[in-house]
């Protein structure tokens, strides 16, 4: 299994995930040019990407999706509500229906040799999801942009050999920082982002006796 964070954070998110035979992106929240540049650094050609898995419609996750999908005719996978929200944005202009594939939380599907299961997350978007994937005999779990976790989240991510987990902010630094009050409240809320402490709590519940790799994602620049 292969995973590379091409971009992560409030300025843009894009993750490459691959197996021996399949190349995917999770989100496309940076420009198509930057996605192409990021893929070239890991020797992946953009025309070999076989799907873009969308977590939700916020611009830092989709701003490059229209251009990259049209340019290379890449299928897009997202919940129905996310697609409806995307259709209202400029990022999704001229995307043909044949590229759209609807997903549902807790219903797995295949893209070539990768088994993918979306799962629901707590975030201020239209039916957002994250994903776990069975790849080359192992499991990848991705959980970003969630304000809280529960037993459901743990059940979905358990058993992951490779975990990408959000660790967005230090609570005290956020409270005394320069962000306006409304933004602080959004980040701290149950539909915002995981703090470092909450992320550590989630990770502690996912550590198993087998060898695991954990990547912290969506770290705040501030």
Foldseek 3Di string as FASTA:
>chain_A
DDKDWLDFAPQAGWMWDDAPQAIEIEFDLDAPVSVQVSCVVVPHHLLRHAEYEYQAQDNRRQQHPQVSCVVNVHAYEEAPQRVVVNVPDPSNPPDDPVSYDHDDAPDWDDDVPKIKHWHFAQAPGGRGTFIWICHPNFIEEEDWQFLADDVRNLVRLARHQEYEFEAEEALVCLVPDDDDPVVNCRCNDRRHTHHNVRRVVSVVSRDDPDHHHYHYGRYHPD
